[in-house]
Protein backbone atom coordinates (compact mmCIF):
# COMPACT_ATOMS: atom_id res chain seq x y z
CA UNK A 1 -7.29 3.69 27.21
CA UNK A 2 -10.93 3.13 26.28
CA UNK A 3 -11.67 1.64 22.88
CA UNK A 4 -14.08 4.51 22.21
CA UNK A 5 -11.05 6.81 22.03
CA UNK A 6 -9.49 4.65 19.33
CA UNK A 7 -11.19 6.53 16.52
CA UNK A 8 -8.30 7.19 14.12
CA UNK A 9 -8.07 4.59 11.33
CA UNK A 10 -4.42 4.75 10.32
CA UNK A 11 -1.71 3.16 8.22
CA UNK A 12 1.93 3.82 7.33
CA UNK A 13 2.69 3.97 3.62
CA UNK A 14 4.73 5.30 0.73
CA UNK A 15 2.84 7.72 -1.51
CA UNK A 16 3.89 7.28 -5.17
CA UNK A 17 4.26 10.45 -7.26
CA UNK A 18 1.45 11.71 -9.48
CA UNK A 19 2.96 10.52 -12.79
CA UNK A 20 3.08 6.93 -11.54
CA UNK A 21 -0.48 7.13 -10.22
CA UNK A 22 -1.62 8.45 -13.61
CA UNK A 23 0.10 5.57 -15.45
CA UNK A 24 -1.58 3.10 -13.08
CA UNK A 25 -4.92 4.84 -13.62
CA UNK A 26 -4.57 4.43 -17.40
CA UNK A 27 -3.83 0.71 -16.90
CA UNK A 28 -6.80 0.42 -14.56
CA UNK A 29 -9.12 1.96 -17.18
CA UNK A 30 -8.02 -0.71 -19.68
CA UNK A 31 -8.49 -3.47 -17.10
CA UNK A 32 -12.01 -2.24 -16.30
CA UNK A 33 -12.91 -2.79 -19.95
CA UNK A 34 -11.08 -6.12 -20.30
CA UNK A 35 -11.89 -7.89 -17.02
CA UNK A 36 -15.50 -8.73 -16.22
CA UNK A 37 -16.92 -9.58 -12.82
CA UNK A 38 -17.56 -8.14 -9.39
CA UNK A 39 -14.47 -6.02 -8.78
CA UNK A 40 -14.07 -3.03 -6.47
CA UNK A 41 -11.50 -0.78 -8.20
CA UNK A 42 -9.20 1.39 -6.08
CA UNK A 43 -9.32 5.13 -6.73
CA UNK A 44 -5.91 6.56 -7.77
CA UNK A 45 -5.66 8.61 -4.56
CA UNK A 46 -6.15 5.38 -2.62
CA UNK A 47 -3.14 3.65 -4.14
CA UNK A 48 -0.43 3.63 -1.50
CA UNK A 49 2.39 1.21 -0.87
CA UNK A 50 1.25 0.19 2.61
CA UNK A 51 3.93 -0.84 5.11
CA UNK A 52 1.65 -1.27 8.13
CA UNK A 53 -2.09 -1.04 8.67
CA UNK A 54 -2.85 -0.15 12.30
CA UNK A 55 -6.64 -0.18 12.26
CA UNK A 56 -8.40 2.08 14.77
CA UNK A 57 -5.96 3.80 17.12
CA UNK A 58 -5.92 6.63 19.68
CA UNK A 59 -4.08 9.98 19.60
CA UNK A 60 -1.63 8.48 22.13
CA UNK A 61 -1.00 5.58 19.72
CA UNK A 62 -0.30 8.12 16.94
CA UNK A 63 2.38 9.77 19.12
CA UNK A 64 3.98 6.39 19.91
CA UNK A 65 3.92 5.31 16.25
CA UNK A 66 5.43 8.63 15.12
CA UNK A 67 8.21 8.29 17.68
CA UNK A 68 8.98 4.70 16.59
CA UNK A 69 9.03 5.60 12.88
CA UNK A 70 11.16 8.71 13.42
CA UNK A 71 13.71 6.73 15.42
CA UNK A 72 13.90 4.07 12.72
CA UNK A 73 14.05 6.17 9.53
CA UNK A 74 16.70 8.73 10.49
CA UNK A 75 19.45 6.27 9.53
CA UNK A 76 17.66 4.83 6.47
CA UNK A 77 18.69 5.92 2.97
CA UNK A 78 16.12 6.85 0.33
CA UNK A 79 14.80 3.99 -1.82
CA UNK A 80 14.72 3.79 -5.60
CA UNK A 81 11.48 1.98 -6.47
CA UNK A 82 9.91 0.95 -9.77
CA UNK A 83 6.21 0.26 -10.19
CA UNK A 84 5.77 -2.43 -12.81
CA UNK A 85 4.16 -5.77 -13.68
CA UNK A 86 0.58 -6.85 -13.08
CA UNK A 87 -0.33 -9.67 -10.74
CA UNK A 88 -2.96 -11.17 -8.45
CA UNK A 89 -3.08 -12.45 -4.87
CA UNK A 90 -3.10 -15.23 -3.83
CA UNK A 91 -2.84 -16.78 -7.33
CA UNK A 92 -4.49 -16.82 -10.77
CA UNK A 93 -6.76 -19.76 -9.84
CA UNK A 94 -8.32 -17.91 -6.89
CA UNK A 95 -7.64 -14.21 -7.49
CA UNK A 96 -8.76 -11.84 -4.73
CA UNK A 97 -6.56 -8.76 -5.35
CA UNK A 98 -5.26 -7.26 -8.62
CA UNK A 99 -2.01 -5.38 -8.08
CA UNK A 100 0.98 -3.61 -9.61
CA UNK A 101 4.32 -4.89 -8.40
CA UNK A 102 7.27 -3.02 -6.95
CA UNK A 103 10.89 -3.65 -7.94
CA UNK A 104 14.14 -1.78 -7.35
CA UNK A 105 15.34 -1.42 -3.74
CA UNK A 106 12.72 -3.93 -2.59
CA UNK A 107 15.10 -5.92 -0.40
CA UNK A 108 16.02 -2.74 1.53
CA UNK A 109 12.33 -1.83 1.70
CA UNK A 110 11.47 -5.30 3.04
CA UNK A 111 14.17 -5.05 5.70
CA UNK A 112 12.87 -1.61 6.72
CA UNK A 113 9.30 -2.93 6.86
CA UNK A 114 10.36 -5.89 9.07
CA UNK A 115 12.29 -3.57 11.39
CA UNK A 116 9.32 -1.21 11.68
CA UNK A 117 6.99 -4.16 12.28
CA UNK A 118 9.25 -5.25 15.12
CA UNK A 119 9.34 -1.69 16.52
CA UNK A 120 5.53 -1.54 16.39
CA UNK A 121 5.25 -4.90 18.16
CA UNK A 122 7.14 -3.23 21.01
CA UNK A 123 4.34 -0.65 21.32
CA UNK A 124 1.48 -3.18 21.27
CA UNK A 125 0.86 -3.57 17.52
CA UNK A 126 1.35 -7.27 16.71
CA UNK A 127 3.60 -8.22 13.81
CA UNK A 128 2.19 -9.36 10.48
CA UNK A 129 1.64 -13.10 9.96
CA UNK A 130 2.23 -12.97 6.22
CA UNK A 131 5.53 -11.95 4.65
CA UNK A 132 5.57 -8.40 3.28
CA UNK A 133 4.97 -8.18 -0.47
CA UNK A 134 5.44 -4.69 -1.86
CA UNK A 135 2.52 -3.83 -4.15
CA UNK A 136 -0.11 -1.26 -5.03
CA UNK A 137 -3.70 -2.50 -5.12
CA UNK A 138 -5.63 -1.81 -8.34
CA UNK A 139 -8.77 -3.71 -7.43
CA UNK A 140 -10.34 -6.23 -5.07
CA UNK A 141 -12.29 -9.13 -6.54
CA UNK A 142 -15.53 -9.48 -4.59
CA UNK A 143 -16.51 -12.81 -6.14
CA UNK A 144 -14.34 -14.89 -8.48
CA UNK A 145 -17.41 -16.60 -9.94
CA UNK A 146 -18.23 -14.96 -13.24
CA UNK A 147 -14.78 -13.38 -13.47
CA UNK A 148 -13.65 -13.11 -17.10
CA UNK A 149 -10.52 -11.91 -18.86
CA UNK A 150 -8.18 -12.03 -15.87
CA UNK A 151 -5.66 -14.52 -17.30
CA UNK A 152 -5.60 -12.69 -20.64
CA UNK A 153 -4.97 -9.38 -18.85
CA UNK A 154 -2.16 -10.87 -16.72
CA UNK A 155 -0.41 -12.04 -19.91
CA UNK A 156 -1.11 -8.86 -21.87
CA UNK A 157 0.20 -6.49 -19.18
CA UNK A 158 3.02 -8.64 -17.74
CA UNK A 159 5.54 -6.07 -19.04
CA UNK A 160 3.59 -3.04 -17.74
CA UNK A 161 5.79 -0.29 -16.25
CA UNK A 162 4.39 2.81 -14.53
CA UNK A 163 7.84 4.29 -13.89
CA UNK A 164 10.35 4.69 -11.10
CA UNK A 165 10.82 7.18 -8.30
CA UNK A 166 13.10 7.96 -5.41
CA UNK A 167 11.21 7.41 -2.18
CA UNK A 168 12.44 9.93 0.37
CA UNK A 169 9.67 9.73 2.96
CA UNK A 170 7.12 7.55 4.72
CA UNK A 171 3.69 8.92 5.57
CA UNK A 172 1.28 8.10 8.39
CA UNK A 173 -2.19 8.41 6.87
CA UNK A 174 -5.61 8.61 8.44
CA UNK A 175 -8.34 6.91 6.44
CA UNK A 176 -11.93 8.07 6.95
CA UNK A 177 -14.55 5.86 5.35
CA UNK A 178 -17.39 7.58 3.54
CA UNK A 179 -20.12 6.44 1.11
CA UNK A 180 -17.95 7.81 -1.73
CA UNK A 181 -14.94 5.78 -0.56
CA UNK A 182 -12.08 6.42 1.82
CA UNK A 183 -10.71 9.93 2.34
CA UNK A 184 -7.00 10.10 3.20
CA UNK A 185 -5.34 12.71 5.41
CA UNK A 186 -1.62 12.91 6.17
CA UNK A 187 -1.05 12.77 9.93
CA UNK A 188 2.76 12.85 9.77
CA UNK A 189 5.64 12.64 7.28
CA UNK A 190 9.00 11.04 8.02
CA UNK A 191 12.04 11.83 5.88
CA UNK A 192 14.33 8.89 5.18
CA UNK A 193 17.85 9.68 6.29
CA UNK A 194 16.47 12.40 8.54
CA UNK A 195 16.64 14.95 5.70
């Protein structure tokens, strides 16, 4: 398959419900006022709990991915997830990403993510080098020089809680980049437990 046909930028993710995205958006607005520096803030509609980023793929790849996910999730129960806590990757000394954490059925989610990663490796998508850390990205720090207020914000919002939800599906998204930011389209939805 020619690379030119690999024109679908795709990822597999969990889409949090609107009330959680709104709570995160309110937190983000506070952070924008309290943290100074060169930060690219994620739009609320761009906040997904990503399980696998595929990059640019073909329509044939989409079919293979859908088949692999469907086979895997039919026996998986729904997941009760909580979106809470504020943190940074890799650490507070060299922050690159500001995120909200995920708690609840995270161990089951991590197992599912590892199994899917292994399934995808079988269809020519290499496994991840880094261990999976469930999170939702609030912002990406472009340059940590001149960054102010980050440590204060981490302390202030350490007990932040956006809410909890029952995750009943995984979604394969297409991401189209535009000058206004990425535009997301659902390519396929996969019900956990085959419901």
